[in-house]
Amino acid sequence: MPPKKRKAVAESTSKAKVAKKNDSKGKEKKGGASSAGSLDLSSFLKDDTWKERLKEEFEKDYFKGIEESLSADYAKGEEIFPPKDLIFNAFNLTPIDKVKVVLLGQDPYHDVDQAHGLSFSVRPGVKIPPSLKNIYKELSSDIPGFTAPHHGCLEKWAKEGVLLLNATLTVQAHKPNSHAKIGWQKFTDAAIKAVSDHTQGVVFLLWGGFAHKKEKLVDMTKHRVVKTAHPSPLSASKFKDCKCFSRVNLALKELGKEEVDWSL
């Protein structure tokens, strides 16, 4: 090959490599990834009120650890629930200044298509889980006129001001509590504390021993707590007739707040 032609081919190859490298960098930045290819979870929190209250958490070492753990799982091909864009769904649907009730769950549902970032809620069209069936039974006996829906989607509550918060925000498919120790509880404790510190007259509905421990994060001089057994089939007999939903509305009324419309 003549020298001039060899030089032209070499230059063309070099440009192609640079273009490919730049394209690769561009792809890394999409979908919540930083230029280094690590996961940028904060990009999925869209609500400005929560961004302001939680911005310091995103810079802490424990949160970087969450991102590293999730990045490693994604790199291994692990299926993680809920999808990335729904991890902060509870926050995005219920701005902190609109929160009337905090309903705390433990971790997301771990079967396909169930979890969508709201505690106890499942996507429309998905079979209603046993705990949610018991929740509907209690609502039917506690709230006059409540009719159990044929779906398990609680988005309406979120838009009513019920923060449907799981203590752990992600889970590996078919592995309950698989992300319970990667740092999420520090983040959600900070969220609970933010509600307690920066709002007034919120009712915290805590089901079961795990949730009861979060009462210590709540300033009882300006908020209320309603504690009952968990609606799980394992403790359903203790949850039955606890009247927690009417108790929440009574507390809201006493705090001068509008009651929750629990209809779905």
Protein backbone atom coordinates (compact mmCIF):
# COMPACT_ATOMS: atom_id res chain seq x y z
CA MET A 1 0.00 0.00 0.00
CA PRO A 2 1.42 3.45 -0.92
CA PRO A 3 2.54 5.59 2.08
CA LYS A 4 -0.13 8.28 1.50
CA LYS A 5 -2.91 5.68 1.42
CA ARG A 6 -1.58 3.98 4.57
CA LYS A 7 -1.59 7.35 6.37
CA ALA A 8 -5.18 8.07 5.29
CA VAL A 9 -6.36 4.64 6.52
CA ALA A 10 -4.57 5.12 9.85
CA GLU A 11 -6.16 8.54 10.35
CA SER A 12 -9.60 7.17 9.49
CA THR A 13 -9.17 4.29 11.96
CA SER A 14 -8.01 6.67 14.69
CA LYS A 15 -11.03 8.96 14.18
CA ALA A 16 -13.37 5.97 14.29
CA LYS A 17 -11.89 4.88 17.64
CA VAL A 18 -12.28 8.37 19.11
CA ALA A 19 -15.88 8.58 17.87
CA LYS A 20 -16.67 5.17 19.37
CA LYS A 21 -15.09 6.18 22.69
CA ASN A 22 -17.07 9.43 22.80
CA ASP A 23 -20.28 7.59 21.93
CA SER A 24 -19.59 5.14 24.74
CA LYS A 25 -19.15 8.01 27.19
CA GLY A 26 -22.43 9.50 26.06
CA LYS A 27 -24.24 6.24 26.68
CA GLU A 28 -22.76 5.97 30.17
CA LYS A 29 -24.26 9.32 31.08
CA LYS A 30 -27.76 8.24 30.11
CA GLY A 31 -30.19 6.39 32.38
CA GLY A 32 -28.81 7.70 35.68
CA ALA A 33 -25.15 6.86 35.09
CA SER A 34 -22.25 9.20 35.66
CA SER A 35 -19.38 9.68 33.23
CA ALA A 36 -17.46 7.02 35.15
CA GLY A 37 -20.25 4.52 34.50
CA SER A 38 -21.41 4.42 38.15
CA LEU A 39 -25.10 4.71 39.02
CA ASP A 40 -26.41 8.21 39.78
CA LEU A 41 -29.52 7.44 41.81
CA SER A 42 -30.26 11.09 42.58
CA SER A 43 -31.23 11.62 38.94
CA PHE A 44 -34.37 9.53 39.53
CA LEU A 45 -35.64 11.77 42.35
CA LYS A 46 -37.64 14.35 40.40
CA ASP A 47 -39.61 16.17 43.10
CA ASP A 48 -37.91 19.44 44.04
CA THR A 49 -39.21 19.53 47.63
CA TRP A 50 -37.62 16.18 48.42
CA LYS A 51 -34.46 17.04 46.49
CA GLU A 52 -33.97 20.04 48.77
CA ARG A 53 -34.49 18.07 51.99
CA LEU A 54 -32.42 15.03 50.99
CA LYS A 55 -29.63 16.58 48.92
CA GLU A 56 -27.05 16.13 51.68
CA GLU A 57 -27.81 12.40 51.89
CA PHE A 58 -26.79 11.88 48.26
CA GLU A 59 -23.26 13.09 49.09
CA LYS A 60 -22.71 10.80 52.07
CA ASP A 61 -20.49 7.72 51.96
CA TYR A 62 -23.31 5.31 52.80
CA PHE A 63 -25.30 6.53 49.78
CA LYS A 64 -22.30 6.07 47.51
CA GLY A 65 -22.23 2.53 48.91
CA ILE A 66 -25.85 1.98 47.86
CA GLU A 67 -25.00 3.11 44.34
CA GLU A 68 -21.97 0.82 44.22
CA SER A 69 -24.00 -2.18 45.46
CA LEU A 70 -26.71 -1.61 42.87
CA SER A 71 -24.16 -1.00 40.10
CA ALA A 72 -22.51 -4.33 40.94
CA ASP A 73 -25.88 -6.13 40.85
CA TYR A 74 -26.83 -4.59 37.51
CA ALA A 75 -23.39 -5.48 36.10
CA LYS A 76 -23.91 -9.12 37.12
CA GLY A 77 -27.27 -9.17 35.36
CA GLU A 78 -29.33 -9.31 38.56
CA GLU A 79 -32.96 -8.31 38.12
CA ILE A 80 -33.75 -5.50 40.56
CA PHE A 81 -37.20 -4.28 41.60
CA PRO A 82 -38.64 -1.75 41.19
CA PRO A 83 -37.20 -0.41 37.91
CA LYS A 84 -34.71 2.44 38.35
CA ASP A 85 -37.16 5.15 37.35
CA LEU A 86 -39.61 4.02 40.06
CA ILE A 87 -37.19 3.65 42.98
CA PHE A 88 -38.25 7.08 44.30
CA ASN A 89 -41.87 6.84 43.14
CA ALA A 90 -43.21 7.46 46.67
CA PHE A 91 -41.30 10.75 46.86
CA ASN A 92 -42.15 11.83 43.32
CA LEU A 93 -45.89 11.27 43.82
CA THR A 94 -46.07 12.81 47.31
CA PRO A 95 -44.08 16.05 47.77
CA ILE A 96 -42.92 16.58 51.35
CA ASP A 97 -45.13 19.64 51.81
CA LYS A 98 -48.19 17.57 50.82
CA VAL A 99 -47.57 14.66 53.24
CA LYS A 100 -50.47 14.01 55.63
CA VAL A 101 -49.75 10.38 56.47
CA VAL A 102 -46.62 8.23 56.38
CA LEU A 103 -47.40 4.54 55.82
CA LEU A 104 -44.22 2.57 56.32
CA GLY A 105 -43.47 -0.79 54.73
CA GLN A 106 -40.34 -2.93 54.94
CA ASP A 107 -39.06 -3.70 51.43
CA PRO A 108 -40.50 -3.94 47.89
CA TYR A 109 -42.37 -6.94 46.54
CA HIS A 110 -39.85 -9.27 44.94
CA ASP A 111 -41.85 -10.97 42.19
CA VAL A 112 -41.98 -9.84 38.56
CA ASP A 113 -44.10 -6.75 37.77
CA GLN A 114 -45.27 -6.23 41.37
CA ALA A 115 -43.15 -3.43 42.83
CA HIS A 116 -43.55 0.12 41.59
CA GLY A 117 -42.00 2.13 44.41
CA LEU A 118 -45.02 2.40 46.74
CA SER A 119 -45.29 0.37 49.95
CA PHE A 120 -47.99 -2.34 49.90
CA SER A 121 -49.06 -1.29 46.38
CA VAL A 122 -48.79 -3.31 43.16
CA ARG A 123 -49.15 -2.32 39.53
CA PRO A 124 -52.62 -2.42 37.94
CA GLY A 125 -53.41 -5.87 36.59
CA VAL A 126 -51.19 -7.67 39.11
CA LYS A 127 -52.74 -10.13 41.58
CA ILE A 128 -53.52 -8.48 44.92
CA PRO A 129 -51.01 -9.70 47.56
CA PRO A 130 -52.28 -11.30 50.81
CA SER A 131 -51.30 -8.35 53.05
CA LEU A 132 -53.15 -5.92 50.80
CA LYS A 133 -56.23 -8.16 50.84
CA ASN A 134 -56.21 -7.89 54.64
CA ILE A 135 -55.81 -4.12 54.37
CA TYR A 136 -58.90 -3.99 52.15
CA LYS A 137 -60.83 -6.18 54.61
CA GLU A 138 -60.00 -3.80 57.44
CA LEU A 139 -60.94 -0.77 55.36
CA SER A 140 -64.28 -2.39 54.50
CA SER A 141 -65.13 -2.82 58.18
CA ASP A 142 -63.57 0.45 59.37
CA ILE A 143 -64.48 3.07 56.76
CA PRO A 144 -68.20 3.46 55.90
CA GLY A 145 -68.84 3.06 52.19
CA PHE A 146 -65.42 1.62 51.35
CA THR A 147 -65.59 -0.98 48.58
CA ALA A 148 -62.55 -3.14 47.95
CA PRO A 149 -61.31 -2.56 44.38
CA HIS A 150 -60.32 -5.31 41.96
CA HIS A 151 -56.76 -3.99 41.77
CA GLY A 152 -53.91 -3.36 44.19
CA CYS A 153 -52.66 0.02 42.97
CA LEU A 154 -52.55 2.63 45.76
CA GLU A 155 -51.40 5.60 43.66
CA LYS A 156 -54.57 7.50 44.57
CA TRP A 157 -53.51 7.44 48.22
CA ALA A 158 -50.06 8.77 47.28
CA LYS A 159 -51.69 11.68 45.47
CA GLU A 160 -53.93 12.23 48.52
CA GLY A 161 -50.86 12.86 50.67
CA VAL A 162 -50.10 9.36 51.94
CA LEU A 163 -46.35 8.75 51.69
CA LEU A 164 -46.17 5.04 50.84
CA LEU A 165 -42.60 4.52 51.97
CA ASN A 166 -40.64 1.28 52.16
CA ALA A 167 -37.69 1.29 54.57
CA THR A 168 -35.63 -0.44 51.87
CA LEU A 169 -36.23 0.87 48.35
CA THR A 170 -34.90 -1.98 46.17
CA VAL A 171 -34.74 -5.77 46.18
CA GLN A 172 -33.29 -8.55 44.03
CA ALA A 173 -35.86 -10.63 42.15
CA HIS A 174 -37.26 -13.47 44.27
CA LYS A 175 -34.91 -12.66 47.19
CA PRO A 176 -36.81 -10.85 49.97
CA ASN A 177 -34.73 -8.47 52.09
CA SER A 178 -31.73 -8.95 49.76
CA HIS A 179 -30.99 -5.20 49.88
CA ALA A 180 -31.94 -4.65 53.53
CA LYS A 181 -28.33 -4.10 54.57
CA ILE A 182 -26.89 -2.01 51.72
CA GLY A 183 -27.74 1.32 53.36
CA TRP A 184 -31.27 2.16 52.30
CA GLN A 185 -32.59 2.38 55.86
CA LYS A 186 -30.22 5.26 56.63
CA PHE A 187 -31.70 7.09 53.67
CA THR A 188 -35.35 6.39 54.51
CA ASP A 189 -34.73 7.20 58.19
CA ALA A 190 -33.46 10.58 56.96
CA ALA A 191 -36.67 10.96 54.93
CA ILE A 192 -38.83 10.18 57.98
CA LYS A 193 -36.78 12.64 60.03
CA ALA A 194 -37.21 15.26 57.30
CA VAL A 195 -40.99 14.89 57.49
CA SER A 196 -40.85 15.09 61.28
CA ASP A 197 -38.57 18.14 61.34
CA HIS A 198 -39.92 20.18 58.44
CA THR A 199 -43.69 19.56 58.48
CA GLN A 200 -46.51 19.88 60.98
CA GLY A 201 -49.41 17.60 61.91
CA VAL A 202 -48.51 14.37 60.09
CA VAL A 203 -49.81 10.96 61.20
CA PHE A 204 -47.36 8.07 61.05
CA LEU A 205 -49.13 4.73 60.52
CA LEU A 206 -46.78 1.99 61.72
CA TRP A 207 -47.68 -1.66 61.19
CA GLY A 208 -45.72 -4.39 62.98
CA GLY A 209 -42.62 -4.49 65.17
CA PHE A 210 -40.20 -3.35 62.46
CA ALA A 211 -42.18 -0.18 61.75
CA HIS A 212 -42.84 0.48 65.44
CA LYS A 213 -39.09 1.03 65.97
CA LYS A 214 -39.28 4.08 63.69
CA GLU A 215 -41.44 5.93 66.22
CA LYS A 216 -38.23 7.25 67.81
CA LEU A 217 -37.65 9.37 64.67
CA VAL A 218 -40.93 11.24 65.10
CA ASP A 219 -41.34 14.48 67.06
CA MET A 220 -44.44 13.66 69.08
CA THR A 221 -44.95 17.29 70.08
CA LYS A 222 -46.27 18.09 66.60
CA HIS A 223 -47.16 14.74 65.00
CA ARG A 224 -49.16 11.61 65.87
CA VAL A 225 -48.36 7.91 65.63
CA VAL A 226 -50.87 5.09 65.12
CA LYS A 227 -49.38 1.64 65.83
CA THR A 228 -51.00 -1.72 65.10
CA ALA A 229 -50.08 -5.28 64.16
CA HIS A 230 -48.95 -5.94 60.58
CA PRO A 231 -51.59 -6.93 57.98
CA SER A 232 -49.54 -9.97 56.95
CA PRO A 233 -51.43 -13.30 57.12
CA LEU A 234 -49.03 -14.21 59.95
CA SER A 235 -50.52 -11.51 62.19
CA ALA A 236 -53.87 -10.92 60.49
CA SER A 237 -55.91 -11.87 63.56
CA LYS A 238 -54.25 -9.05 65.54
CA PHE A 239 -54.63 -6.58 62.67
CA LYS A 240 -58.33 -7.33 62.25
CA ASP A 241 -60.63 -4.68 63.75
CA CYS A 242 -57.71 -2.41 64.71
CA LYS A 243 -59.61 0.53 63.15
CA CYS A 244 -56.31 2.12 62.12
CA PHE A 245 -57.74 4.04 59.17
CA SER A 246 -60.47 5.79 61.13
CA ARG A 247 -57.92 6.42 63.90
CA VAL A 248 -55.64 8.11 61.37
CA ASN A 249 -58.48 10.33 60.16
CA LEU A 250 -59.48 11.20 63.72
CA ALA A 251 -55.88 12.21 64.48
CA LEU A 252 -55.74 14.33 61.32
CA LYS A 253 -58.97 16.04 62.28
CA GLU A 254 -57.62 16.80 65.76
CA LEU A 255 -54.47 18.22 64.15
CA GLY A 256 -56.58 20.50 61.98
CA LYS A 257 -55.82 18.57 58.79
CA GLU A 258 -58.10 17.26 56.06
CA GLU A 259 -58.96 13.59 56.42
CA VAL A 260 -57.76 11.02 53.90
CA ASP A 261 -60.27 9.74 51.37
CA TRP A 262 -59.36 6.03 51.51
CA SER A 263 -61.56 5.06 48.55
CA LEU A 264 -59.79 3.49 45.56
